[in-house]
Amino acid sequence: MKRILFPVLAIFVFAACQKEVDGNLGNGGGGGGGAILDYQPVSANSEWDYLSTNNGPSHMVALGTDTTINGLRYYKFNTTTTAGTERGYVSKVNGVYRTYGNFDPAGQVIELVYLKDSAIGVNWTNTISLGGFGNYHKYTISRKDIQHTVLGKTFSPVIELNYDFSIDDPLGGPRISVGGGKYYYAKGVGLIEGYFGFDFFGVSASDTTKLLNFTIR
């Protein structure tokens, strides 16, 4: 089954001959190296381990193969959790990163822009319709080329995204802001940390996802 790879309530082209980079954070491994020039490696058998406060551990592997979806080249990834293994797709075209797959709350297949390698202040909004009402996932590049530390490992350069989540007012008023968060993407590695929270009429949830270790091949 296709699944959105990165949290939405928030959230992969590279030569196969890249040398292996060991990114075990606990052992102070390498951070992906300056030779990798984008924010999502896709070389075969590269892998990432994440820990989510809501969903527990997950293990993502790049398959090193691709397919065409909606006229774009998408790279294939498998993500394994305690629920099983599911397929995800990520595209990068001209610095615009997209993910394609099932969005669980909607039960529909969607395509989302989750990152842009662009200037500070650039923003974009993904709109998803649920039950006839729109919900809006706005991302803004708040900082760029920064250092960011996750579990004792410092990554650089990193893009920081602000995330704002709003929905249509069922009573017809202006959009209602219900949540937000931040996401951090390291060059040569991908997503290293993200967190979000929302609260809507007494229903609330939050999550923090952190990169535990990685290997870029």
Protein backbone atom coordinates (compact mmCIF):
# COMPACT_ATOMS: atom_id res chain seq x y z
CA MET A 1 0.00 0.00 0.00
CA LYS A 2 1.19 3.51 -0.80
CA ARG A 3 1.58 5.74 2.23
CA ILE A 4 2.59 9.36 2.78
CA LEU A 5 6.18 9.14 4.00
CA PHE A 6 6.34 12.24 6.15
CA PRO A 7 3.83 13.58 8.64
CA VAL A 8 1.22 15.73 6.92
CA LEU A 9 0.04 17.24 10.16
CA ALA A 10 3.20 18.90 10.36
CA ILE A 11 5.24 14.95 7.01
CA PHE A 12 13.57 11.67 -2.07
CA VAL A 13 18.66 12.29 -7.40
CA PHE A 14 21.78 10.86 -6.48
CA ALA A 15 24.48 8.65 -8.04
CA ALA A 16 24.45 5.06 -6.87
CA CYS A 17 28.23 5.14 -6.67
CA GLN A 18 28.24 7.39 -3.58
CA LYS A 19 30.47 6.05 -0.85
CA GLU A 20 28.64 4.73 2.20
CA VAL A 21 28.12 7.18 5.07
CA ASP A 22 27.45 5.75 8.53
CA GLY A 23 25.15 8.05 10.47
CA ASN A 24 24.69 6.17 13.74
CA LEU A 25 23.91 9.04 16.07
CA GLY A 26 24.66 7.15 19.23
CA ASN A 27 28.19 6.45 18.02
CA GLY A 28 28.79 9.92 16.58
CA GLY A 29 28.76 8.73 12.98
CA GLY A 30 29.01 10.96 9.92
CA GLY A 31 26.28 13.38 9.01
CA GLY A 32 25.93 12.70 5.32
CA GLY A 33 28.86 14.67 3.96
CA GLY A 34 28.99 17.81 1.87
CA ALA A 35 29.25 15.79 -1.35
CA ILE A 36 25.51 15.08 -1.34
CA LEU A 37 23.83 18.12 -2.79
CA ASP A 38 20.15 17.69 -2.00
CA TYR A 39 17.84 17.20 0.95
CA GLN A 40 16.79 13.61 0.25
CA PRO A 41 19.25 10.91 -0.85
CA VAL A 42 17.64 8.18 -2.94
CA SER A 43 20.55 5.76 -3.53
CA ALA A 44 19.66 2.07 -3.20
CA ASN A 45 19.72 0.58 0.31
CA SER A 46 20.19 3.90 2.07
CA GLU A 47 18.25 3.68 5.32
CA TRP A 48 16.90 5.81 8.14
CA ASP A 49 15.59 4.95 11.59
CA TYR A 50 13.11 7.28 13.27
CA LEU A 51 11.32 7.36 16.60
CA SER A 52 7.89 8.97 16.91
CA THR A 53 6.29 9.71 20.26
CA ASN A 54 2.93 8.67 18.77
CA ASN A 55 3.81 5.85 16.40
CA GLY A 56 6.97 4.37 17.86
CA PRO A 57 9.95 3.26 15.76
CA SER A 58 10.09 3.15 11.97
CA HIS A 59 12.72 2.02 9.48
CA MET A 60 12.84 3.53 5.98
CA VAL A 61 14.84 2.09 3.08
CA ALA A 62 15.45 3.60 -0.37
CA LEU A 63 14.86 0.98 -3.06
CA GLY A 64 16.94 2.75 -5.70
CA THR A 65 14.16 2.49 -8.27
CA ASP A 66 11.68 5.00 -9.60
CA THR A 67 8.41 5.40 -11.42
CA THR A 68 6.48 8.20 -13.15
CA ILE A 69 3.46 9.63 -11.33
CA ASN A 70 1.54 12.65 -12.61
CA GLY A 71 4.37 13.28 -15.07
CA LEU A 72 7.02 13.45 -12.33
CA ARG A 73 9.83 11.07 -11.44
CA TYR A 74 9.15 9.51 -8.05
CA TYR A 75 11.61 7.41 -6.08
CA LYS A 76 10.45 4.38 -4.15
CA PHE A 77 10.90 3.82 -0.41
CA ASN A 78 9.73 1.14 1.98
CA THR A 79 8.86 2.09 5.54
CA THR A 80 8.50 -0.60 8.21
CA THR A 81 6.68 -0.04 11.50
CA THR A 82 5.08 -2.35 14.03
CA ALA A 83 2.06 -2.40 11.68
CA GLY A 84 4.06 -3.78 8.73
CA THR A 85 5.83 -2.49 5.63
CA GLU A 86 4.36 0.05 3.23
CA ARG A 87 5.52 1.71 0.03
CA GLY A 88 6.06 5.46 -0.25
CA TYR A 89 7.12 7.75 -3.09
CA VAL A 90 9.17 10.94 -3.09
CA SER A 91 10.02 13.30 -5.95
CA LYS A 92 12.51 16.12 -6.30
CA VAL A 93 12.24 18.45 -9.28
CA ASN A 94 14.07 21.79 -9.38
CA GLY A 95 14.37 21.92 -5.60
CA VAL A 96 10.70 21.11 -4.97
CA TYR A 97 10.15 17.95 -2.91
CA ARG A 98 6.89 16.05 -3.07
CA THR A 99 5.47 12.93 -1.47
CA TYR A 100 2.71 10.76 -2.89
CA GLY A 101 0.60 8.20 -1.10
CA ASN A 102 -2.39 7.50 1.13
CA PHE A 103 -3.42 10.17 3.60
CA ASP A 104 -4.93 8.18 6.46
CA PRO A 105 -7.56 10.59 7.80
CA ALA A 106 -8.93 11.14 4.30
CA GLY A 107 -8.58 7.61 2.98
CA GLN A 108 -7.46 9.07 -0.33
CA VAL A 109 -4.31 9.17 -2.44
CA ILE A 110 -2.79 12.64 -2.52
CA GLU A 111 0.33 14.46 -3.67
CA LEU A 112 1.91 17.00 -1.32
CA VAL A 113 4.78 19.48 -1.53
CA TYR A 114 6.63 18.99 1.76
CA LEU A 115 9.85 20.98 1.16
CA LYS A 116 11.33 23.61 -1.12
CA ASP A 117 15.02 24.41 -1.38
CA SER A 118 14.31 28.10 -1.64
CA ALA A 119 14.82 31.41 0.14
CA ILE A 120 13.82 32.31 3.68
CA GLY A 121 10.22 33.50 3.75
CA VAL A 122 9.02 31.37 0.83
CA ASN A 123 5.78 29.59 1.72
CA TRP A 124 3.25 27.27 0.14
CA THR A 125 0.00 25.58 1.16
CA ASN A 126 -1.27 22.04 0.56
CA THR A 127 -5.07 21.86 0.58
CA ILE A 128 -6.89 18.63 1.43
CA SER A 129 -10.67 18.24 1.36
CA LEU A 130 -12.26 16.22 4.16
CA GLY A 131 -16.01 15.81 4.29
CA GLY A 132 -16.53 18.81 2.04
CA PHE A 133 -14.35 21.10 4.16
CA GLY A 134 -10.84 22.21 3.33
CA ASN A 135 -7.92 21.82 5.66
CA TYR A 136 -4.80 23.75 4.91
CA HIS A 137 -1.20 22.79 5.58
CA LYS A 138 1.02 25.84 5.19
CA TYR A 139 4.83 25.61 5.25
CA THR A 140 7.20 28.56 5.50
CA ILE A 141 10.98 28.48 5.23
CA SER A 142 11.88 30.19 8.50
CA ARG A 143 15.65 29.56 8.57
CA LYS A 144 18.20 28.11 6.16
CA ASP A 145 21.83 26.96 6.26
CA ILE A 146 21.66 26.57 10.02
CA GLN A 147 23.02 23.95 12.39
CA HIS A 148 20.56 21.76 14.24
CA THR A 149 21.29 19.14 16.88
CA VAL A 150 19.25 15.95 17.30
CA LEU A 151 20.09 13.46 20.05
CA GLY A 152 23.57 14.91 20.43
CA LYS A 153 24.40 14.94 16.71
CA THR A 154 24.79 18.30 14.96
CA PHE A 155 23.74 18.55 11.31
CA SER A 156 24.60 21.31 8.84
CA PRO A 157 23.35 22.86 6.63
CA VAL A 158 19.71 22.50 7.68
CA ILE A 159 16.44 24.02 6.49
CA GLU A 160 13.88 24.86 9.18
CA LEU A 161 10.19 24.93 8.22
CA ASN A 162 7.36 26.48 10.18
CA TYR A 163 4.13 24.53 9.83
CA ASP A 164 0.64 25.98 10.26
CA PHE A 165 -2.53 23.89 10.19
CA SER A 166 -5.94 25.52 9.64
CA ILE A 167 -9.41 24.40 8.58
CA ASP A 168 -12.57 25.86 7.12
CA ASP A 169 -15.03 27.10 9.70
CA PRO A 170 -18.08 24.75 9.57
CA LEU A 171 -20.24 27.81 10.35
CA GLY A 172 -18.93 29.72 7.35
CA GLY A 173 -16.56 32.11 9.11
CA PRO A 174 -12.85 32.65 8.40
CA ARG A 175 -10.40 29.78 8.57
CA ILE A 176 -9.68 28.44 12.03
CA SER A 177 -6.06 27.93 13.08
CA VAL A 178 -5.88 24.65 14.98
CA GLY A 179 -2.20 23.75 15.17
CA GLY A 180 1.36 23.94 13.95
CA GLY A 181 4.93 22.83 14.39
CA LYS A 182 8.42 22.80 12.91
CA TYR A 183 10.40 20.48 10.62
CA TYR A 184 14.14 20.22 10.04
CA TYR A 185 15.79 18.82 6.90
CA ALA A 186 19.55 18.29 6.65
CA LYS A 187 21.40 18.35 3.36
CA GLY A 188 22.64 14.88 2.46
CA VAL A 189 20.36 13.24 5.05
CA GLY A 190 16.69 14.25 4.79
CA LEU A 191 14.27 14.73 7.65
CA ILE A 192 16.09 14.85 10.99
CA GLU A 193 13.38 16.12 13.32
CA GLY A 194 9.78 17.28 13.26
CA TYR A 195 7.10 18.11 15.75
CA PHE A 196 3.52 19.33 15.64
CA GLY A 197 0.47 19.75 17.79
CA PHE A 198 -3.17 20.64 17.27
CA ASP A 199 -6.23 21.35 19.37
CA PHE A 200 -9.72 21.55 17.89
CA PHE A 201 -12.84 21.77 20.03
CA GLY A 202 -11.20 19.82 22.81
CA VAL A 203 -9.62 17.19 20.57
CA SER A 204 -5.86 17.50 20.77
CA ALA A 205 -2.79 15.57 19.65
CA SER A 206 0.93 16.10 19.30
CA ASP A 207 3.95 14.23 18.00
CA THR A 208 7.71 14.55 17.90
CA THR A 209 9.71 12.50 15.41
CA LYS A 210 13.51 12.28 15.60
CA LEU A 211 16.15 10.61 13.46
CA LEU A 212 17.92 7.88 15.45
CA ASN A 213 20.47 6.74 12.88
CA PHE A 214 21.01 6.59 9.13
CA THR A 215 23.25 5.15 6.46
CA ILE A 216 23.57 6.81 3.04
CA ARG A 217 25.05 4.49 0.41
